[in-house]
Amino acid sequence: MSSDRITNEDLDNMLSHYVNACIDLGMLPDGYRVVLSHGGSGRAFRINLTGYPAKVDGVWTYPNGSGESLPPTGDDYLGMTKKAAYHTLNQITRTLWSVQRHLEKAGN
């Protein structure tokens, strides 16, 4: 990743780190996933929690809901630019990793 330009791939990789940290801390409920809404043209970058689609009796459905709600860490707003979104996700993820290390040291 270049410090000046954040790509969609960079942002997707950071989202993967965030999701993994949430999973490791038990913050992501079974049957749910975190989705990234790309911003641009006056729209903010956001992350949301939504259910996975599942095929039931040959029909696609969302048993845990298809609507979007706040992500496991609270606020869905990441910023108005790719760079801001990347840095916000990075900051949240680093905090989650710090919490995880603290819990491990405490024996939890």
PDB file of N, CA and C in Angstrom:
ATOM      1  N   MET A   1       0.828  -1.179   0.000  1.00  0.00           N
ATOM      2  CA  MET A   1       0.000   0.000   0.000  1.00  0.00           C
ATOM      3  C   MET A   1       0.875   1.247   0.000  1.00  0.00           C
ATOM      4  N   SER A   2       0.582   2.138  -0.873  1.00  0.00           N
ATOM      5  CA  SER A   2       1.276   3.414  -0.907  1.00  0.00           C
ATOM      6  C   SER A   2       0.675   4.320   0.157  1.00  0.00           C
ATOM      7  N   SER A   3       1.501   5.138   0.780  1.00  0.00           N
ATOM      8  CA  SER A   3       0.985   6.038   1.812  1.00  0.00           C
ATOM      9  C   SER A   3       0.135   7.151   1.209  1.00  0.00           C
ATOM     10  N   ASP A   4       0.258   7.378  -0.092  1.00  0.00           N
ATOM     11  CA  ASP A   4      -0.491   8.460  -0.716  1.00  0.00           C
ATOM     12  C   ASP A   4      -1.794   8.006  -1.359  1.00  0.00           C
ATOM     13  N   ARG A   5      -1.857   6.757  -1.799  1.00  0.00           N
ATOM     14  CA  ARG A   5      -3.030   6.308  -2.544  1.00  0.00           C
ATOM     15  C   ARG A   5      -3.520   4.986  -1.975  1.00  0.00           C
ATOM     16  N   ILE A   6      -4.777   4.964  -1.572  1.00  0.00           N
ATOM     17  CA  ILE A   6      -5.403   3.749  -1.063  1.00  0.00           C
ATOM     18  C   ILE A   6      -6.258   3.167  -2.180  1.00  0.00           C
ATOM     19  N   THR A   7      -6.067   1.888  -2.460  1.00  0.00           N
ATOM     20  CA  THR A   7      -6.848   1.228  -3.504  1.00  0.00           C
ATOM     21  C   THR A   7      -8.032   0.486  -2.877  1.00  0.00           C
ATOM     22  N   ASN A   8      -8.947   0.034  -3.725  1.00  0.00           N
ATOM     23  CA  ASN A   8     -10.051  -0.792  -3.238  1.00  0.00           C
ATOM     24  C   ASN A   8      -9.521  -2.067  -2.591  1.00  0.00           C
ATOM     25  N   GLU A   9      -8.460  -2.623  -3.163  1.00  0.00           N
ATOM     26  CA  GLU A   9      -7.846  -3.829  -2.598  1.00  0.00           C
ATOM     27  C   GLU A   9      -7.291  -3.557  -1.201  1.00  0.00           C
ATOM     28  N   ASP A  10      -6.636  -2.414  -1.012  1.00  0.00           N
ATOM     29  CA  ASP A  10      -6.134  -2.041   0.315  1.00  0.00           C
ATOM     30  C   ASP A  10      -7.280  -1.979   1.318  1.00  0.00           C
ATOM     31  N   LEU A  11      -8.360  -1.337   0.907  1.00  0.00           N
ATOM     32  CA  LEU A  11      -9.513  -1.173   1.780  1.00  0.00           C
ATOM     33  C   LEU A  11     -10.162  -2.525   2.090  1.00  0.00           C
ATOM     34  N   ASP A  12     -10.284  -3.380   1.096  1.00  0.00           N
ATOM     35  CA  ASP A  12     -10.844  -4.718   1.315  1.00  0.00           C
ATOM     36  C   ASP A  12      -9.965  -5.543   2.249  1.00  0.00           C
ATOM     37  N   ASN A  13      -8.647  -5.428   2.114  1.00  0.00           N
ATOM     38  CA  ASN A  13      -7.726  -6.142   3.009  1.00  0.00           C
ATOM     39  C   ASN A  13      -7.873  -5.653   4.447  1.00  0.00           C
ATOM     40  N   MET A  14      -8.012  -4.346   4.620  1.00  0.00           N
ATOM     41  CA  MET A  14      -8.176  -3.805   5.965  1.00  0.00           C
ATOM     42  C   MET A  14      -9.514  -4.255   6.550  1.00  0.00           C
ATOM     43  N   LEU A  15     -10.554  -4.325   5.726  1.00  0.00           N
ATOM     44  CA  LEU A  15     -11.844  -4.822   6.191  1.00  0.00           C
ATOM     45  C   LEU A  15     -11.707  -6.273   6.664  1.00  0.00           C
ATOM     46  N   SER A  16     -10.932  -7.077   5.950  1.00  0.00           N
ATOM     47  CA  SER A  16     -10.709  -8.471   6.355  1.00  0.00           C
ATOM     48  C   SER A  16     -10.038  -8.549   7.722  1.00  0.00           C
ATOM     49  N   HIS A  17      -9.061  -7.687   7.967  1.00  0.00           N
ATOM     50  CA  HIS A  17      -8.399  -7.651   9.276  1.00  0.00           C
ATOM     51  C   HIS A  17      -9.403  -7.273  10.363  1.00  0.00           C
ATOM     52  N   TYR A  18     -10.237  -6.279  10.081  1.00  0.00           N
ATOM     53  CA  TYR A  18     -11.262  -5.838  11.028  1.00  0.00           C
ATOM     54  C   TYR A  18     -12.216  -6.993  11.346  1.00  0.00           C
ATOM     55  N   VAL A  19     -12.709  -7.666  10.312  1.00  0.00           N
ATOM     56  CA  VAL A  19     -13.645  -8.782  10.501  1.00  0.00           C
ATOM     57  C   VAL A  19     -12.985  -9.888  11.315  1.00  0.00           C
ATOM     58  N   ASN A  20     -11.742 -10.227  10.999  1.00  0.00           N
ATOM     59  CA  ASN A  20     -11.035 -11.271  11.740  1.00  0.00           C
ATOM     60  C   ASN A  20     -10.871 -10.907  13.212  1.00  0.00           C
ATOM     61  N   ALA A  21     -10.575  -9.648  13.486  1.00  0.00           N
ATOM     62  CA  ALA A  21     -10.442  -9.200  14.878  1.00  0.00           C
ATOM     63  C   ALA A  21     -11.789  -9.312  15.596  1.00  0.00           C
ATOM     64  N   CYS A  22     -12.875  -8.943  14.923  1.00  0.00           N
ATOM     65  CA  CYS A  22     -14.214  -9.062  15.518  1.00  0.00           C
ATOM     66  C   CYS A  22     -14.547 -10.528  15.797  1.00  0.00           C
ATOM     67  N   ILE A  23     -14.206 -11.406  14.861  1.00  0.00           N
ATOM     68  CA  ILE A  23     -14.462 -12.837  15.042  1.00  0.00           C
ATOM     69  C   ILE A  23     -13.654 -13.371  16.221  1.00  0.00           C
ATOM     70  N   ASP A  24     -12.378 -13.009  16.284  1.00  0.00           N
ATOM     71  CA  ASP A  24     -11.506 -13.485  17.360  1.00  0.00           C
ATOM     72  C   ASP A  24     -12.026 -13.075  18.737  1.00  0.00           C
ATOM     73  N   LEU A  25     -12.673 -11.928  18.809  1.00  0.00           N
ATOM     74  CA  LEU A  25     -13.203 -11.436  20.087  1.00  0.00           C
ATOM     75  C   LEU A  25     -14.650 -11.859  20.321  1.00  0.00           C
ATOM     76  N   GLY A  26     -15.198 -12.664  19.415  1.00  0.00           N
ATOM     77  CA  GLY A  26     -16.567 -13.129  19.573  1.00  0.00           C
ATOM     78  C   GLY A  26     -17.612 -12.045  19.370  1.00  0.00           C
ATOM     79  N   MET A  27     -17.269 -11.039  18.598  1.00  0.00           N
ATOM     80  CA  MET A  27     -18.164  -9.897  18.399  1.00  0.00           C
ATOM     81  C   MET A  27     -19.051 -10.020  17.162  1.00  0.00           C
ATOM     82  N   LEU A  28     -18.788 -10.994  16.317  1.00  0.00           N
ATOM     83  CA  LEU A  28     -19.557 -11.156  15.084  1.00  0.00           C
ATOM     84  C   LEU A  28     -20.484 -12.361  15.242  1.00  0.00           C
ATOM     85  N   PRO A  29     -21.780 -12.108  15.353  1.00  0.00           N
ATOM     86  CA  PRO A  29     -22.712 -13.223  15.567  1.00  0.00           C
ATOM     87  C   PRO A  29     -22.713 -14.199  14.396  1.00  0.00           C
ATOM     88  N   ASP A  30     -22.967 -15.481  14.682  1.00  0.00           N
ATOM     89  CA  ASP A  30     -23.077 -16.486  13.630  1.00  0.00           C
ATOM     90  C   ASP A  30     -24.166 -16.091  12.647  1.00  0.00           C
ATOM     91  N   GLY A  31     -23.894 -16.315  11.373  1.00  0.00           N
ATOM     92  CA  GLY A  31     -24.882 -16.013  10.341  1.00  0.00           C
ATOM     93  C   GLY A  31     -24.880 -14.580   9.870  1.00  0.00           C
ATOM     94  N   TYR A  32     -23.942 -13.786  10.370  1.00  0.00           N
ATOM     95  CA  TYR A  32     -23.863 -12.381   9.974  1.00  0.00           C
ATOM     96  C   TYR A  32     -22.508 -12.083   9.351  1.00  0.00           C
ATOM     97  N   ARG A  33     -22.454 -11.019   8.597  1.00  0.00           N
ATOM     98  CA  ARG A  33     -21.205 -10.574   7.994  1.00  0.00           C
ATOM     99  C   ARG A  33     -21.166  -9.047   8.016  1.00  0.00           C
ATOM    100  N   VAL A  34     -19.968  -8.527   7.872  1.00  0.00           N
ATOM    101  CA  VAL A  34     -19.773  -7.081   7.794  1.00  0.00           C
ATOM    102  C   VAL A  34     -19.587  -6.728   6.329  1.00  0.00           C
ATOM    103  N   VAL A  35     -20.339  -5.746   5.866  1.00  0.00           N
ATOM    104  CA  VAL A  35     -20.223  -5.302   4.479  1.00  0.00           C
ATOM    105  C   VAL A  35     -19.732  -3.858   4.451  1.00  0.00           C
ATOM    106  N   LEU A  36     -18.973  -3.559   3.426  1.00  0.00           N
ATOM    107  CA  LEU A  36     -18.444  -2.218   3.215  1.00  0.00           C
ATOM    108  C   LEU A  36     -19.228  -1.550   2.107  1.00  0.00           C
ATOM    109  N   SER A  37     -19.741  -0.374   2.388  1.00  0.00           N
ATOM    110  CA  SER A  37     -20.391   0.448   1.369  1.00  0.00           C
ATOM    111  C   SER A  37     -19.389   1.508   0.942  1.00  0.00           C
ATOM    112  N   HIS A  38     -18.980   1.425  -0.318  1.00  0.00           N
ATOM    113  CA  HIS A  38     -18.012   2.388  -0.823  1.00  0.00           C
ATOM    114  C   HIS A  38     -18.656   3.748  -0.994  1.00  0.00           C
ATOM    115  N   GLY A  39     -17.942   4.753  -0.639  1.00  0.00           N
ATOM    116  CA  GLY A  39     -18.417   6.116  -0.766  1.00  0.00           C
ATOM    117  C   GLY A  39     -18.071   6.686  -2.120  1.00  0.00           C
ATOM    118  N   GLY A  40     -18.153   7.982  -2.200  1.00  0.00           N
ATOM    119  CA  GLY A  40     -17.846   8.699  -3.430  1.00  0.00           C
ATOM    120  C   GLY A  40     -19.009   9.583  -3.820  1.00  0.00           C
ATOM    121  N   SER A  41     -18.736  10.612  -4.555  1.00  0.00           N
ATOM    122  CA  SER A  41     -19.764  11.552  -5.012  1.00  0.00           C
ATOM    123  C   SER A  41     -20.646  12.030  -3.864  1.00  0.00           C
ATOM    124  N   GLY A  42     -20.019  12.414  -2.768  1.00  0.00           N
ATOM    125  CA  GLY A  42     -20.761  12.946  -1.632  1.00  0.00           C
ATOM    126  C   GLY A  42     -21.303  11.895  -0.679  1.00  0.00           C
ATOM    127  N   ARG A  43     -21.058  10.611  -0.943  1.00  0.00           N
ATOM    128  CA  ARG A  43     -21.502   9.539  -0.049  1.00  0.00           C
ATOM    129  C   ARG A  43     -20.321   9.072   0.801  1.00  0.00           C
ATOM    130  N   ALA A  44     -20.605   8.779   2.053  1.00  0.00           N
ATOM    131  CA  ALA A  44     -19.564   8.331   2.976  1.00  0.00           C
ATOM    132  C   ALA A  44     -19.294   6.836   2.817  1.00  0.00           C
ATOM    133  N   PHE A  45     -18.096   6.431   3.185  1.00  0.00           N
ATOM    134  CA  PHE A  45     -17.746   5.017   3.300  1.00  0.00           C
ATOM    135  C   PHE A  45     -18.306   4.547   4.641  1.00  0.00           C
ATOM    136  N   ARG A  46     -18.968   3.380   4.639  1.00  0.00           N
ATOM    137  CA  ARG A  46     -19.590   2.857   5.852  1.00  0.00           C
ATOM    138  C   ARG A  46     -19.438   1.342   5.913  1.00  0.00           C
ATOM    139  N   ILE A  47     -19.492   0.800   7.125  1.00  0.00           N
ATOM    140  CA  ILE A  47     -19.555  -0.647   7.309  1.00  0.00           C
ATOM    141  C   ILE A  47     -20.853  -0.953   8.042  1.00  0.00           C
ATOM    142  N   ASN A  48     -21.446  -2.088   7.700  1.00  0.00           N
ATOM    143  CA  ASN A  48     -22.697  -2.497   8.322  1.00  0.00           C
ATOM    144  C   ASN A  48     -22.703  -3.990   8.548  1.00  0.00           C
ATOM    145  N   LEU A  49     -23.577  -4.402   9.436  1.00  0.00           N
ATOM    146  CA  LEU A  49     -23.784  -5.809   9.755  1.00  0.00           C
ATOM    147  C   LEU A  49     -25.041  -6.272   9.024  1.00  0.00           C
ATOM    148  N   THR A  50     -24.961  -7.401   8.349  1.00  0.00           N
ATOM    149  CA  THR A  50     -26.120  -7.959   7.656  1.00  0.00           C
ATOM    150  C   THR A  50     -26.014  -9.477   7.652  1.00  0.00           C
ATOM    151  N   GLY A  51     -27.129 -10.143   7.376  1.00  0.00           N
ATOM    152  CA  GLY A  51     -27.135 -11.598   7.345  1.00  0.00           C
ATOM    153  C   GLY A  51     -26.584 -12.148   6.045  1.00  0.00           C
ATOM    154  N   TYR A  52     -26.209 -13.417   6.072  1.00  0.00           N
ATOM    155  CA  TYR A  52     -25.769 -14.123   4.872  1.00  0.00           C
ATOM    156  C   TYR A  52     -26.994 -14.648   4.122  1.00  0.00           C
ATOM    157  N   PRO A  53     -26.961 -14.619   2.805  1.00  0.00           N
ATOM    158  CA  PRO A  53     -28.054 -15.261   2.069  1.00  0.00           C
ATOM    159  C   PRO A  53     -27.912 -16.785   2.166  1.00  0.00           C
ATOM    160  N   ALA A  54     -29.034 -17.474   2.254  1.00  0.00           N
ATOM    161  CA  ALA A  54     -29.027 -18.941   2.323  1.00  0.00           C
ATOM    162  C   ALA A  54     -30.152 -19.467   1.440  1.00  0.00           C
ATOM    163  N   LYS A  55     -29.881 -20.578   0.783  1.00  0.00           N
ATOM    164  CA  LYS A  55     -30.893 -21.192  -0.072  1.00  0.00           C
ATOM    165  C   LYS A  55     -31.729 -22.156   0.774  1.00  0.00           C
ATOM    166  N   VAL A  56     -33.008 -21.868   0.891  1.00  0.00           N
ATOM    167  CA  VAL A  56     -33.930 -22.690   1.667  1.00  0.00           C
ATOM    168  C   VAL A  56     -35.034 -23.156   0.728  1.00  0.00           C
ATOM    169  N   ASP A  57     -35.144 -24.469   0.560  1.00  0.00           N
ATOM    170  CA  ASP A  57     -36.147 -25.041  -0.354  1.00  0.00           C
ATOM    171  C   ASP A  57     -36.055 -24.434  -1.749  1.00  0.00           C
ATOM    172  N   GLY A  58     -34.829 -24.235  -2.225  1.00  0.00           N
ATOM    173  CA  GLY A  58     -34.613 -23.729  -3.567  1.00  0.00           C
ATOM    174  C   GLY A  58     -34.780 -22.226  -3.734  1.00  0.00           C
ATOM    175  N   VAL A  59     -35.058 -21.524  -2.650  1.00  0.00           N
ATOM    176  CA  VAL A  59     -35.279 -20.077  -2.709  1.00  0.00           C
ATOM    177  C   VAL A  59     -34.244 -19.384  -1.830  1.00  0.00           C
ATOM    178  N   TRP A  60     -33.653 -18.312  -2.375  1.00  0.00           N
ATOM    179  CA  TRP A  60     -32.694 -17.539  -1.581  1.00  0.00           C
ATOM    180  C   TRP A  60     -33.444 -16.700  -0.559  1.00  0.00           C
ATOM    181  N   THR A  61     -32.978 -16.771   0.682  1.00  0.00           N
ATOM    182  CA  THR A  61     -33.582 -16.001   1.758  1.00  0.00           C
ATOM    183  C   THR A  61     -32.475 -15.521   2.698  1.00  0.00           C
ATOM    184  N   TYR A  62     -32.811 -14.635   3.579  1.00  0.00           N
ATOM    185  CA  TYR A  62     -31.879 -14.125   4.582  1.00  0.00           C
ATOM    186  C   TYR A  62     -32.429 -14.475   5.963  1.00  0.00           C
ATOM    187  N   PRO A  63     -32.084 -15.652   6.496  1.00  0.00           N
ATOM    188  CA  PRO A  63     -32.660 -16.068   7.778  1.00  0.00           C
ATOM    189  C   PRO A  63     -32.331 -15.138   8.944  1.00  0.00           C
ATOM    190  N   ASN A  64     -31.231 -14.414   8.862  1.00  0.00           N
ATOM    191  CA  ASN A  64     -30.861 -13.488   9.940  1.00  0.00           C
ATOM    192  C   ASN A  64     -31.117 -12.029   9.566  1.00  0.00           C
ATOM    193  N   GLY A  65     -31.822 -11.817   8.476  1.00  0.00           N
ATOM    194  CA  GLY A  65     -32.149 -10.457   8.077  1.00  0.00           C
ATOM    195  C   GLY A  65     -31.242  -9.954   6.973  1.00  0.00           C
ATOM    196  N   SER A  66     -31.826  -9.223   6.049  1.00  0.00           N
ATOM    197  CA  SER A  66     -31.054  -8.670   4.943  1.00  0.00           C
ATOM    198  C   SER A  66     -30.808  -7.177   5.120  1.00  0.00           C
ATOM    199  N   GLY A  67     -31.410  -6.618   6.128  1.00  0.00           N
ATOM    200  CA  GLY A  67     -31.203  -5.195   6.376  1.00  0.00           C
ATOM    201  C   GLY A  67     -29.830  -4.934   6.947  1.00  0.00           C
ATOM    202  N   GLU A  68     -29.444  -3.714   6.921  1.00  0.00           N
ATOM    203  CA  GLU A  68     -28.135  -3.342   7.455  1.00  0.00           C
ATOM    204  C   GLU A  68     -28.311  -2.674   8.806  1.00  0.00           C
ATOM    205  N   SER A  69     -27.508  -3.102   9.769  1.00  0.00           N
ATOM    206  CA  SER A  69     -27.516  -2.486  11.086  1.00  0.00           C
ATOM    207  C   SER A  69     -26.080  -2.111  11.452  1.00  0.00           C
ATOM    208  N   LEU A  70     -25.928  -1.486  12.592  1.00  0.00           N
ATOM    209  CA  LEU A  70     -24.597  -1.038  13.005  1.00  0.00           C
ATOM    210  C   LEU A  70     -23.638  -2.218  13.137  1.00  0.00           C
ATOM    211  N   PRO A  71     -22.374  -1.994  12.815  1.00  0.00           N
ATOM    212  CA  PRO A  71     -21.376  -3.065  12.926  1.00  0.00           C
ATOM    213  C   PRO A  71     -21.089  -3.386  14.398  1.00  0.00           C
ATOM    214  N   PRO A  72     -20.370  -4.468  14.653  1.00  0.00           N
ATOM    215  CA  PRO A  72     -20.092  -4.886  16.035  1.00  0.00           C
ATOM    216  C   PRO A  72     -19.417  -3.819  16.889  1.00  0.00           C
ATOM    217  N   THR A  73     -18.680  -2.915  16.267  1.00  0.00           N
ATOM    218  CA  THR A  73     -17.948  -1.908  17.039  1.00  0.00           C
ATOM    219  C   THR A  73     -18.693  -0.587  17.170  1.00  0.00           C
ATOM    220  N   GLY A  74     -19.936  -0.539  16.719  1.00  0.00           N
ATOM    221  CA  GLY A  74     -20.732   0.675  16.918  1.00  0.00           C
ATOM    222  C   GLY A  74     -20.921   1.481  15.661  1.00  0.00           C
ATOM    223  N   ASP A  75     -20.316   2.635  15.600  1.00  0.00           N
ATOM    224  CA  ASP A  75     -20.527   3.577  14.507  1.00  0.00           C
ATOM    225  C   ASP A  75     -20.179   2.974  13.154  1.00  0.00           C
ATOM    226  N   ASP A  76     -21.010   3.239  12.160  1.00  0.00           N
ATOM    227  CA  ASP A  76     -20.783   2.690  10.820  1.00  0.00           C
ATOM    228  C   ASP A  76     -19.972   3.619   9.928  1.00  0.00           C
ATOM    229  N   TYR A  77     -19.806   4.866  10.321  1.00  0.00           N
ATOM    230  CA  TYR A  77     -19.144   5.882   9.496  1.00  0.00           C
ATOM    231  C   TYR A  77     -17.633   5.684   9.500  1.00  0.00           C
ATOM    232  N   LEU A  78     -17.046   5.607   8.281  1.00  0.00           N
ATOM    233  CA  LEU A  78     -15.593   5.464   8.161  1.00  0.00           C
ATOM    234  C   LEU A  78     -14.916   6.712   7.613  1.00  0.00           C
ATOM    235  N   GLY A  79     -15.632   7.542   6.901  1.00  0.00           N
ATOM    236  CA  GLY A  79     -15.046   8.742   6.318  1.00  0.00           C
ATOM    237  C   GLY A  79     -15.582   8.986   4.928  1.00  0.00           C
ATOM    238  N   MET A  80     -15.167  10.097   4.366  1.00  0.00           N
ATOM    239  CA  MET A  80     -15.658  10.492   3.050  1.00  0.00           C
ATOM    240  C   MET A  80     -14.718  10.095   1.919  1.00  0.00           C
ATOM    241  N   THR A  81     -13.516   9.669   2.268  1.00  0.00           N
ATOM    242  CA  THR A  81     -12.551   9.253   1.246  1.00  0.00           C
ATOM    243  C   THR A  81     -12.050   7.850   1.555  1.00  0.00           C
ATOM    244  N   LYS A  82     -11.486   7.201   0.537  1.00  0.00           N
ATOM    245  CA  LYS A  82     -10.901   5.869   0.725  1.00  0.00           C
ATOM    246  C   LYS A  82      -9.805   5.906   1.784  1.00  0.00           C
ATOM    247  N   LYS A  83      -9.003   6.944   1.724  1.00  0.00           N
ATOM    248  CA  LYS A  83      -7.890   7.062   2.672  1.00  0.00           C
ATOM    249  C   LYS A  83      -8.415   7.202   4.102  1.00  0.00           C
ATOM    250  N   ALA A  84      -9.426   8.038   4.299  1.00  0.00           N
ATOM    251  CA  ALA A  84     -10.012   8.205   5.633  1.00  0.00           C
ATOM    252  C   ALA A  84     -10.643   6.901   6.111  1.00  0.00           C
ATOM    253  N   ALA A  85     -11.349   6.205   5.214  1.00  0.00           N
ATOM    254  CA  ALA A  85     -11.981   4.934   5.566  1.00  0.00           C
ATOM    255  C   ALA A  85     -10.931   3.905   5.968  1.00  0.00           C
ATOM    256  N   TYR A  86      -9.856   3.827   5.208  1.00  0.00           N
ATOM    257  CA  TYR A  86      -8.776   2.891   5.504  1.00  0.00           C
ATOM    258  C   TYR A  86      -8.188   3.175   6.888  1.00  0.00           C
ATOM    259  N   HIS A  87      -7.883   4.437   7.144  1.00  0.00           N
ATOM    260  CA  HIS A  87      -7.259   4.795   8.418  1.00  0.00           C
ATOM    261  C   HIS A  87      -8.212   4.581   9.599  1.00  0.00           C
ATOM    262  N   THR A  88      -9.498   4.828   9.408  1.00  0.00           N
ATOM    263  CA  THR A  88     -10.473   4.587  10.473  1.00  0.00           C
ATOM    264  C   THR A  88     -10.559   3.096  10.772  1.00  0.00           C
ATOM    265  N   LEU A  89     -10.678   2.268   9.727  1.00  0.00           N
ATOM    266  CA  LEU A  89     -10.718   0.810   9.930  1.00  0.00           C
ATOM    267  C   LEU A  89      -9.430   0.312  10.583  1.00  0.00           C
ATOM    268  N   ASN A  90      -8.297   0.850  10.159  1.00  0.00           N
ATOM    269  CA  ASN A  90      -7.014   0.475  10.733  1.00  0.00           C
ATOM    270  C   ASN A  90      -6.982   0.800  12.225  1.00  0.00           C
ATOM    271  N   GLN A  91      -7.444   1.974  12.574  1.00  0.00           N
ATOM    272  CA  GLN A  91      -7.437   2.412  13.975  1.00  0.00           C
ATOM    273  C   GLN A  91      -8.350   1.529  14.831  1.00  0.00           C
ATOM    274  N   ILE A  92      -9.541   1.231  14.339  1.00  0.00           N
ATOM    275  CA  ILE A  92     -10.462   0.376  15.084  1.00  0.00           C
ATOM    276  C   ILE A  92      -9.859  -1.019  15.242  1.00  0.00           C
ATOM    277  N   THR A  93      -9.290  -1.546  14.168  1.00  0.00           N
ATOM    278  CA  THR A  93      -8.713  -2.891  14.196  1.00  0.00           C
ATOM    279  C   THR A  93      -7.549  -2.968  15.175  1.00  0.00           C
ATOM    280  N   ARG A  94      -6.707  -1.958  15.177  1.00  0.00           N
ATOM    281  CA  ARG A  94      -5.576  -1.939  16.113  1.00  0.00           C
ATOM    282  C   ARG A  94      -6.079  -1.918  17.559  1.00  0.00           C
ATOM    283  N   THR A  95      -7.155  -1.194  17.804  1.00  0.00           N
ATOM    284  CA  THR A  95      -7.745  -1.158  19.143  1.00  0.00           C
ATOM    285  C   THR A  95      -8.275  -2.540  19.525  1.00  0.00           C
ATOM    286  N   LEU A  96      -8.945  -3.200  18.585  1.00  0.00           N
ATOM    287  CA  LEU A  96      -9.455  -4.552  18.848  1.00  0.00           C
ATOM    288  C   LEU A  96      -8.316  -5.514  19.156  1.00  0.00           C
ATOM    289  N   TRP A  97      -7.234  -5.424  18.403  1.00  0.00           N
ATOM    290  CA  TRP A  97      -6.079  -6.290  18.668  1.00  0.00           C
ATOM    291  C   TRP A  97      -5.486  -6.002  20.046  1.00  0.00           C
ATOM    292  N   SER A  98      -5.458  -4.740  20.447  1.00  0.00           N
ATOM    293  CA  SER A  98      -4.954  -4.382  21.775  1.00  0.00           C
ATOM    294  C   SER A  98      -5.836  -4.979  22.867  1.00  0.00           C
ATOM    295  N   VAL A  99      -7.147  -4.920  22.669  1.00  0.00           N
ATOM    296  CA  VAL A  99      -8.079  -5.520  23.627  1.00  0.00           C
ATOM    297  C   VAL A  99      -7.837  -7.027  23.695  1.00  0.00           C
ATOM    298  N   GLN A 100      -7.665  -7.653  22.540  1.00  0.00           N
ATOM    299  CA  GLN A 100      -7.426  -9.093  22.502  1.00  0.00           C
ATOM    300  C   GLN A 100      -6.154  -9.456  23.264  1.00  0.00           C
ATOM    301  N   ARG A 101      -5.072  -8.703  23.047  1.00  0.00           N
ATOM    302  CA  ARG A 101      -3.807  -8.964  23.766  1.00  0.00           C
ATOM    303  C   ARG A 101      -4.010  -8.792  25.275  1.00  0.00           C
ATOM    304  N   HIS A 102      -4.747  -7.761  25.675  1.00  0.00           N
ATOM    305  CA  HIS A 102      -5.002  -7.520  27.085  1.00  0.00           C
ATOM    306  C   HIS A 102      -5.781  -8.688  27.701  1.00  0.00           C
ATOM    307  N   LEU A 103      -6.806  -9.162  26.988  1.00  0.00           N
ATOM    308  CA  LEU A 103      -7.592 -10.293  27.483  1.00  0.00           C
ATOM    309  C   LEU A 103      -6.743 -11.552  27.602  1.00  0.00           C
ATOM    310  N   GLU A 104      -5.854 -11.757  26.635  1.00  0.00           N
ATOM    311  CA  GLU A 104      -4.974 -12.933  26.686  1.00  0.00           C
ATOM    312  C   GLU A 104      -4.042 -12.858  27.891  1.00  0.00           C
ATOM    313  N   LYS A 105      -3.508 -11.673  28.156  1.00  0.00           N
ATOM    314  CA  LYS A 105      -2.623 -11.509  29.304  1.00  0.00           C
ATOM    315  C   LYS A 105      -3.371 -11.699  30.611  1.00  0.00           C
ATOM    316  N   ALA A 106      -4.651 -11.308  30.615  1.00  0.00           N
ATOM    317  CA  ALA A 106      -5.460 -11.433  31.831  1.00  0.00           C
ATOM    318  C   ALA A 106      -5.972 -12.865  32.018  1.00  0.00           C
ATOM    319  N   GLY A 107      -5.743 -13.712  31.009  1.00  0.00           N
ATOM    320  CA  GLY A 107      -6.150 -15.100  31.116  1.00  0.00           C
ATOM    321  C   GLY A 107      -7.595 -15.356  30.719  1.00  0.00           C
ATOM    322  N   ASN A 108      -8.169 -14.447  29.958  1.00  0.00           N
ATOM    323  CA  ASN A 108      -9.552 -14.629  29.501  1.00  0.00           C
ATOM    324  C   ASN A 108      -9.602 -15.188  28.103  1.00  0.00           C
TER     325      ASN A 108
END
